[in-house]
Amino acid sequence: MPPVRERRAPPSCLRSNLKVLRAAVLALQVGLAAALTGSALAQAYPDATEQPHTTDPVRLRALATRREIHERFARGLRAESRADWQAAIAEFERIIALDPPEPAGSTARYDLAIARARTGDYTAAALLLESALRRDPGFTAAAANLVTVEVLAGNAAAARAAADRFVALAPASARARYERGIVALQTGDLAVARDDFRALLAGDPAYAVAHYDLAIVDVRTAQFDAAELELDRALAIDPSYARARFALGTVYLQTGRRAEARAAFDRAARDASDIMLRTLAVELRDRL
């Protein structure tokens, strides 16, 4: 559920469409990661920059700086597209050093954060995304990816704060609700997790993943009948959803239905593409 960044009209051709190419290089999604990975729209750059029609030194310097920013954005995005994160980092750091006005300033910090996160430097990435949001509080892509970065860094409290900000910024966003629901589930705030997953399902009852996540909340609160109902709904939408099938097997075990549990684990083992899930399903099946 990639966020779409809404902005005021850009002051020049620098921002024409800076987001489509970035979407292709932005895979931060992390299972949650999955994602963990926000998207953005891209800028189309002309082949050449028009020659300046002035002889004023101050104006010439400003035009040269604008042209450098323009070209470094293009080079940075090309580096990202080939996963050359160090080259991308160098380009975006230079743009930030040139101190461009908005929206280029927050965009450069956002792009640098993505490159830093892809190298595993989540602390630097989080600081850059925070800086981007201070410059542009409405930057939804930065808010979305800040949640992902904090989750990847293992900062549960920071991830929850980022998720709350994302929902406040984009309350109608399915991604905002999903990410906060996942963070709330991981941190044990089951009431918020339940509310967010229910909100997702109110908007899209055919969202199998939300049925599964809501079932996990129900399992955590020992509401096994409700969990079974949500898992049945998820599997009606996607019969090969191995993780939901496995969870249904655990619900059957909790309610003393060993034969049904064995059948569920057997089907989960056959459907699972995740080798760890498959191995666990086989192990539980063979114990019954």
Protein backbone atom coordinates (compact mmCIF):
# COMPACT_ATOMS: atom_id res chain seq x y z
CA MET A 1 0.00 0.00 0.00
CA PRO A 2 2.45 2.63 -1.09
CA PRO A 3 1.84 6.17 0.07
CA VAL A 4 1.47 8.98 -2.46
CA ARG A 5 3.13 12.21 -1.59
CA GLU A 6 0.91 15.24 -2.04
CA ARG A 7 2.71 18.55 -2.47
CA ARG A 8 2.19 22.09 -3.52
CA ALA A 9 3.15 22.83 -7.13
CA PRO A 10 6.96 22.82 -7.55
CA PRO A 11 8.69 26.13 -8.19
CA SER A 12 10.60 24.85 -11.25
CA CYS A 13 11.15 21.84 -13.49
CA LEU A 14 13.30 20.38 -10.71
CA ARG A 15 10.27 18.59 -9.20
CA SER A 16 8.15 17.91 -12.30
CA ASN A 17 7.48 14.30 -11.45
CA LEU A 18 10.19 13.21 -8.98
CA LYS A 19 8.34 10.13 -7.77
CA VAL A 20 7.77 7.30 -10.37
CA LEU A 21 11.44 6.27 -10.66
CA ARG A 22 11.85 6.44 -6.90
CA ALA A 23 9.00 3.94 -6.48
CA ALA A 24 11.03 1.37 -8.39
CA VAL A 25 14.01 1.71 -6.07
CA LEU A 26 12.21 2.15 -2.83
CA ALA A 27 11.67 -1.41 -1.54
CA LEU A 28 12.07 -0.88 2.22
CA GLN A 29 9.20 -3.19 2.94
CA VAL A 30 10.57 -5.88 5.21
CA GLY A 31 7.94 -8.30 5.26
CA LEU A 32 6.82 -5.61 7.22
CA ALA A 33 9.01 -5.03 5.62
CA ALA A 34 6.98 -5.13 3.47
CA ALA A 35 6.97 -3.29 4.03
CA LEU A 36 8.09 -2.27 4.65
CA THR A 37 8.83 -0.07 1.02
CA GLY A 38 7.00 3.40 0.28
CA SER A 39 6.79 4.74 -3.15
CA ALA A 40 7.20 8.12 -4.71
CA LEU A 41 6.62 9.66 -8.12
CA ALA A 42 9.51 10.58 -10.35
CA GLN A 43 10.91 13.51 -12.11
CA ALA A 44 11.51 13.59 -15.84
CA TYR A 45 14.71 15.42 -16.69
CA PRO A 46 15.46 17.03 -20.07
CA ASP A 47 18.55 15.98 -21.96
CA ALA A 48 20.19 19.36 -21.55
CA THR A 49 19.78 22.47 -19.42
CA GLU A 50 19.08 25.66 -21.29
CA GLN A 51 21.96 28.13 -21.32
CA PRO A 52 21.46 31.09 -18.97
CA HIS A 53 20.58 34.44 -20.55
CA THR A 54 22.32 36.73 -18.05
CA THR A 55 25.74 38.08 -17.21
CA ASP A 56 24.99 38.98 -13.60
CA PRO A 57 27.44 37.02 -11.35
CA VAL A 58 24.89 36.42 -8.57
CA ARG A 59 22.29 35.23 -11.04
CA LEU A 60 24.81 33.03 -12.83
CA ARG A 61 25.85 31.45 -9.53
CA ALA A 62 22.22 30.76 -8.63
CA LEU A 63 21.58 29.21 -12.04
CA ALA A 64 24.69 27.04 -11.74
CA THR A 65 23.59 25.83 -8.31
CA ARG A 66 20.10 25.04 -9.57
CA ARG A 67 21.54 23.13 -12.50
CA GLU A 68 23.87 21.17 -10.21
CA ILE A 69 20.96 20.22 -7.92
CA HIS A 70 18.92 19.18 -10.93
CA GLU A 71 21.66 16.98 -12.34
CA ARG A 72 22.62 15.45 -8.98
CA PHE A 73 19.03 14.40 -8.38
CA ALA A 74 19.10 12.65 -11.76
CA ARG A 75 22.42 10.93 -10.99
CA GLY A 76 21.28 9.94 -7.51
CA LEU A 77 18.09 8.34 -8.82
CA ARG A 78 20.03 6.46 -11.49
CA ALA A 79 22.40 5.18 -8.80
CA GLU A 80 19.43 4.01 -6.71
CA SER A 81 17.93 2.23 -9.70
CA ARG A 82 21.06 0.10 -10.02
CA ALA A 83 21.33 -0.36 -6.22
CA ASP A 84 24.57 1.64 -6.05
CA TRP A 85 23.74 3.07 -2.64
CA GLN A 86 27.12 4.68 -1.95
CA ALA A 87 26.98 6.63 -5.21
CA ALA A 88 23.42 7.71 -4.43
CA ILE A 89 24.45 8.79 -0.94
CA ALA A 90 27.19 11.01 -2.34
CA GLU A 91 24.81 12.74 -4.75
CA PHE A 92 22.07 13.41 -2.19
CA GLU A 93 24.54 14.57 0.46
CA ARG A 94 25.90 17.12 -2.02
CA ILE A 95 22.38 18.38 -2.73
CA ILE A 96 21.75 18.85 1.00
CA ALA A 97 25.06 20.74 1.31
CA LEU A 98 23.81 23.13 -1.38
CA ASP A 99 20.80 23.88 0.90
CA PRO A 100 18.07 24.02 -1.76
CA PRO A 101 14.65 25.49 -0.96
CA GLU A 102 11.57 23.35 -0.57
CA PRO A 103 10.50 20.95 -1.87
CA ALA A 104 14.00 19.94 -2.98
CA GLY A 105 15.44 20.13 0.54
CA SER A 106 13.05 17.61 2.10
CA THR A 107 13.16 15.42 -1.01
CA ALA A 108 16.97 15.16 -0.88
CA ARG A 109 16.80 14.14 2.77
CA TYR A 110 14.14 11.56 1.96
CA ASP A 111 16.19 10.09 -0.88
CA LEU A 112 19.32 10.03 1.26
CA ALA A 113 17.36 8.29 4.03
CA ILE A 114 16.28 5.54 1.64
CA ALA A 115 19.87 4.98 0.49
CA ARG A 116 21.13 4.97 4.09
CA ALA A 117 18.46 2.48 5.12
CA ARG A 118 19.43 0.18 2.26
CA THR A 119 22.97 0.09 3.66
CA GLY A 120 21.62 -0.83 7.10
CA ASP A 121 22.21 2.57 8.69
CA TYR A 122 18.74 2.87 10.19
CA THR A 123 19.71 5.48 12.77
CA ALA A 124 20.89 7.91 10.10
CA ALA A 125 17.87 7.10 7.95
CA ALA A 126 15.47 7.88 10.80
CA LEU A 127 17.16 11.20 11.53
CA LEU A 128 16.98 12.19 7.86
CA LEU A 129 13.29 11.29 7.61
CA GLU A 130 12.59 13.30 10.76
CA SER A 131 14.42 16.23 9.18
CA ALA A 132 12.39 15.86 5.98
CA LEU A 133 9.17 15.92 8.00
CA ARG A 134 10.24 19.04 9.88
CA ARG A 135 10.72 20.77 6.55
CA ASP A 136 7.50 19.38 5.09
CA PRO A 137 5.08 18.06 7.74
CA GLY A 138 2.76 16.77 5.03
CA PHE A 139 5.33 14.45 3.44
CA THR A 140 3.39 11.17 3.71
CA ALA A 141 6.04 9.00 2.03
CA ALA A 142 8.58 10.13 4.63
CA ALA A 143 6.10 9.40 7.44
CA ALA A 144 5.42 5.92 6.05
CA ASN A 145 9.05 4.98 5.66
CA LEU A 146 9.95 6.33 9.09
CA VAL A 147 7.69 3.64 10.57
CA THR A 148 9.46 0.97 8.52
CA VAL A 149 12.94 2.23 9.42
CA GLU A 150 12.16 2.29 13.15
CA VAL A 151 10.75 -1.25 12.94
CA LEU A 152 13.88 -2.44 11.14
CA ALA A 153 16.02 -0.75 13.78
CA GLY A 154 14.10 -2.54 16.53
CA ASN A 155 12.96 0.74 18.12
CA ALA A 156 9.46 -0.27 19.21
CA ALA A 157 8.54 2.97 21.00
CA ALA A 158 9.83 5.13 18.13
CA ALA A 159 8.03 2.93 15.60
CA ARG A 160 4.76 3.35 17.48
CA ALA A 161 5.19 7.13 17.67
CA ALA A 162 5.96 7.23 13.95
CA ALA A 163 2.93 5.05 13.20
CA ASP A 164 0.66 7.33 15.25
CA ARG A 165 1.98 10.34 13.33
CA PHE A 166 1.41 8.56 10.01
CA VAL A 167 -2.22 7.80 10.90
CA ALA A 168 -2.76 11.39 12.08
CA LEU A 169 -1.31 12.65 8.81
CA ALA A 170 -3.25 10.24 6.58
CA PRO A 171 -6.18 8.80 8.55
CA ALA A 172 -7.82 7.39 5.42
CA SER A 173 -4.66 5.63 4.28
CA ALA A 174 -4.88 1.84 4.35
CA ARG A 175 -1.10 1.63 4.65
CA ALA A 176 -1.11 3.94 7.67
CA ARG A 177 -3.71 1.80 9.42
CA TYR A 178 -1.94 -1.42 8.52
CA GLU A 179 1.48 -0.30 9.68
CA ARG A 180 0.17 1.05 12.97
CA GLY A 181 -1.84 -2.13 13.49
CA ILE A 182 1.26 -4.26 13.00
CA VAL A 183 3.37 -2.09 15.33
CA ALA A 184 0.60 -2.10 17.95
CA LEU A 185 0.34 -5.89 17.67
CA GLN A 186 4.09 -6.29 18.12
CA THR A 187 4.14 -4.00 21.15
CA GLY A 188 1.12 -5.60 22.79
CA ASP A 189 -1.40 -2.80 22.29
CA LEU A 190 -4.08 -5.20 21.15
CA ALA A 191 -6.96 -2.72 21.39
CA VAL A 192 -5.34 -0.36 18.88
CA ALA A 193 -4.31 -3.27 16.67
CA ARG A 194 -7.89 -4.59 16.64
CA ASP A 195 -9.30 -1.15 15.81
CA ASP A 196 -6.86 -0.60 12.94
CA PHE A 197 -7.42 -4.02 11.36
CA ARG A 198 -11.19 -3.60 11.68
CA ALA A 199 -10.90 -0.20 10.00
CA LEU A 200 -9.00 -1.84 7.14
CA LEU A 201 -11.68 -4.48 6.74
CA ALA A 202 -14.44 -1.88 6.81
CA GLY A 203 -12.81 -0.36 3.76
CA ASP A 204 -11.95 -3.65 2.07
CA PRO A 205 -13.65 -6.82 3.40
CA ALA A 206 -11.74 -8.89 0.83
CA TYR A 207 -8.35 -8.04 2.36
CA ALA A 208 -7.26 -11.50 3.50
CA VAL A 209 -4.16 -10.27 5.35
CA ALA A 210 -6.25 -8.01 7.59
CA HIS A 211 -8.53 -10.95 8.46
CA TYR A 212 -5.42 -12.94 9.39
CA ASP A 213 -3.98 -10.12 11.50
CA LEU A 214 -7.29 -9.59 13.29
CA ALA A 215 -7.36 -13.33 14.01
CA ILE A 216 -3.91 -13.08 15.61
CA VAL A 217 -5.25 -10.36 17.91
CA ASP A 218 -8.16 -12.66 18.80
CA VAL A 219 -5.78 -15.55 19.52
CA ARG A 220 -3.70 -13.30 21.78
CA THR A 221 -6.84 -12.48 23.77
CA ALA A 222 -8.01 -16.13 23.81
CA GLN A 223 -11.06 -15.37 21.65
CA PHE A 224 -10.67 -18.56 19.64
CA ASP A 225 -14.14 -18.61 18.09
CA ALA A 226 -13.61 -15.10 16.73
CA ALA A 227 -10.12 -16.05 15.52
CA GLU A 228 -11.47 -19.12 13.72
CA LEU A 229 -14.11 -16.98 12.01
CA GLU A 230 -11.51 -14.47 10.75
CA LEU A 231 -9.18 -17.23 9.54
CA ASP A 232 -12.04 -18.93 7.71
CA ARG A 233 -12.76 -15.61 6.01
CA ALA A 234 -9.11 -15.17 5.03
CA LEU A 235 -8.99 -18.70 3.58
CA ALA A 236 -12.26 -18.20 1.71
CA ILE A 237 -10.59 -15.27 -0.03
CA ASP A 238 -7.26 -17.06 -0.54
CA PRO A 239 -7.42 -20.83 -0.01
CA SER A 240 -3.64 -21.17 -0.44
CA TYR A 241 -2.85 -18.64 2.31
CA ALA A 242 -0.50 -20.97 4.20
CA ARG A 243 0.12 -18.71 7.18
CA ALA A 244 -3.61 -18.39 7.82
CA ARG A 245 -4.01 -22.17 7.42
CA PHE A 246 -1.23 -22.74 9.94
CA ALA A 247 -2.84 -20.29 12.40
CA LEU A 248 -6.14 -22.13 11.98
CA GLY A 249 -4.34 -25.35 12.94
CA THR A 250 -3.15 -23.72 16.16
CA VAL A 251 -6.71 -22.60 16.92
CA TYR A 252 -7.93 -26.16 16.40
CA LEU A 253 -5.27 -27.37 18.83
CA GLN A 254 -6.32 -24.79 21.41
CA THR A 255 -9.90 -26.03 21.17
CA GLY A 256 -9.01 -29.75 21.32
CA ARG A 257 -9.67 -30.66 17.68
CA ARG A 258 -6.53 -32.62 16.94
CA ALA A 259 -7.67 -34.29 13.71
CA GLU A 260 -8.67 -30.96 12.19
CA ALA A 261 -5.41 -29.42 13.41
CA ARG A 262 -3.42 -32.19 11.73
CA ALA A 263 -5.25 -31.64 8.45
CA ALA A 264 -4.69 -27.89 8.66
CA PHE A 265 -0.96 -28.30 9.30
CA ASP A 266 -0.71 -30.78 6.43
CA ARG A 267 -2.36 -28.34 4.02
CA ALA A 268 -0.22 -25.46 5.32
CA ALA A 269 2.93 -27.53 4.69
CA ARG A 270 1.82 -28.19 1.12
CA ASP A 271 0.91 -24.57 0.40
CA ALA A 272 3.81 -22.82 2.17
CA SER A 273 6.54 -21.20 0.10
CA ASP A 274 8.36 -20.14 3.29
CA ILE A 275 10.64 -23.06 4.17
CA MET A 276 10.57 -22.23 7.90
CA LEU A 277 6.77 -22.22 7.96
CA ARG A 278 6.70 -25.46 5.98
CA THR A 279 9.14 -27.15 8.34
CA LEU A 280 7.18 -26.09 11.42
CA ALA A 281 3.88 -27.21 9.89
CA VAL A 282 5.34 -30.64 9.08
CA GLU A 283 6.76 -30.98 12.58
CA LEU A 284 3.43 -30.15 14.23
CA ARG A 285 1.51 -32.39 11.83
CA ASP A 286 3.75 -35.35 12.59
CA ARG A 287 3.32 -34.89 16.34
CA LEU A 288 -0.46 -35.33 16.07
